[in-house]
Structure formats: structure tokens, C-alpha cells
Amino acid sequence: MNEQNEKICLNCNRTDVQIPLITLTFKSDAKYICAQCLPVLIHKTHTLADKLPGMEIAPPADH
């Protein structure tokens, strides 16, 4: 597999050879995140903004 097809966690940069990854899509582009980094995507999305160009940071929802 070449580097362009390598599946890498968008937060910790581990590959699917090292840890299971979950596939997500953003703007029709496949991205990957591991279960350990999933809380970052959910609770600290702003820290991933540079890795997801064009993402708008929405204010927290009222619960």
C-alpha cells in the first residue's frame, strides 16, 4: 500500500496496522480516527480544525 492510500488516525497518526480505525467522511473525503481519539472528535473538535479544512466550529449545543 502506498502512502496516499495509507489509513492514518487524523489525531494521533497511528495506522490501521497499529490500531483499529473508524472511517468517517467530511466533505466527501474519507478520514480515519481511532477509538482512543474519538472523544477528541466529539468533545474537542476545534483541536482537529487544521486537519479538517473547511470545518466550522459550532458553539456547544444547549442540553
Protein backbone atom coordinates (compact mmCIF):
# COMPACT_ATOMS: atom_id res chain seq x y z
CA MET A 1 0.00 0.00 0.00
CA ASN A 2 1.43 3.40 -0.88
CA GLU A 3 1.38 6.43 1.40
CA GLN A 4 -1.58 8.01 -0.42
CA ASN A 5 -3.78 5.02 0.45
CA GLU A 6 -2.47 4.56 3.98
CA LYS A 7 -5.16 4.81 6.63
CA ILE A 8 -3.99 7.02 9.50
CA CYS A 9 -5.81 8.38 12.56
CA LEU A 10 -6.27 12.09 11.94
CA ASN A 11 -5.43 12.86 15.56
CA CYS A 12 -2.62 10.53 16.71
CA ASN A 13 -1.28 9.46 13.29
CA ARG A 14 -1.31 5.74 14.09
CA THR A 15 -2.07 3.45 11.17
CA ASP A 16 -4.60 0.68 10.82
CA VAL A 17 -1.67 -1.73 11.19
CA GLN A 18 -1.13 -0.39 14.72
CA ILE A 19 -4.69 0.16 15.94
CA PRO A 20 -8.25 -0.32 14.63
CA LEU A 21 -9.59 2.76 12.87
CA ILE A 22 -13.12 4.07 12.35
CA THR A 23 -13.93 5.62 8.98
CA LEU A 24 -15.68 8.98 8.80
CA THR A 25 -16.36 11.28 5.90
CA PHE A 26 -16.06 15.03 5.71
CA LYS A 27 -16.83 16.93 2.53
CA SER A 28 -17.00 13.60 0.67
CA ASP A 29 -13.45 12.73 1.74
CA ALA A 30 -12.73 9.62 3.83
CA LYS A 31 -10.89 10.26 7.10
CA TYR A 32 -9.98 7.85 9.87
CA ILE A 33 -9.88 8.08 13.66
CA CYS A 34 -9.09 5.50 16.33
CA ALA A 35 -11.40 4.75 19.25
CA GLN A 36 -8.97 6.37 21.70
CA CYS A 37 -9.13 9.65 19.77
CA LEU A 38 -12.88 9.58 19.13
CA PRO A 39 -13.59 11.66 22.30
CA VAL A 40 -11.36 14.39 20.84
CA LEU A 41 -13.56 14.47 17.73
CA ILE A 42 -16.69 14.61 19.88
CA HIS A 43 -15.64 16.97 22.69
CA LYS A 44 -12.67 18.97 21.36
CA THR A 45 -13.46 19.26 17.67
CA HIS A 46 -11.70 22.62 17.47
CA THR A 47 -8.33 20.87 18.03
CA LEU A 48 -8.83 18.99 14.74
CA ALA A 49 -9.79 22.05 12.67
CA ASP A 50 -6.40 22.21 10.94
CA LYS A 51 -6.77 18.55 9.91
CA LEU A 52 -10.31 19.06 8.56
CA PRO A 53 -10.02 22.13 6.30
CA GLY A 54 -13.28 24.00 5.91
CA MET A 55 -14.77 22.73 9.16
CA GLU A 56 -16.84 25.28 11.03
CA ILE A 57 -16.66 25.17 14.79
CA ALA A 58 -20.22 25.31 16.07
CA PRO A 59 -20.99 26.55 19.55
CA PRO A 60 -21.86 23.82 22.07
CA ALA A 61 -25.46 22.63 21.97
CA ASP A 62 -27.77 23.53 24.83
CA HIS A 63 -28.59 20.38 26.74
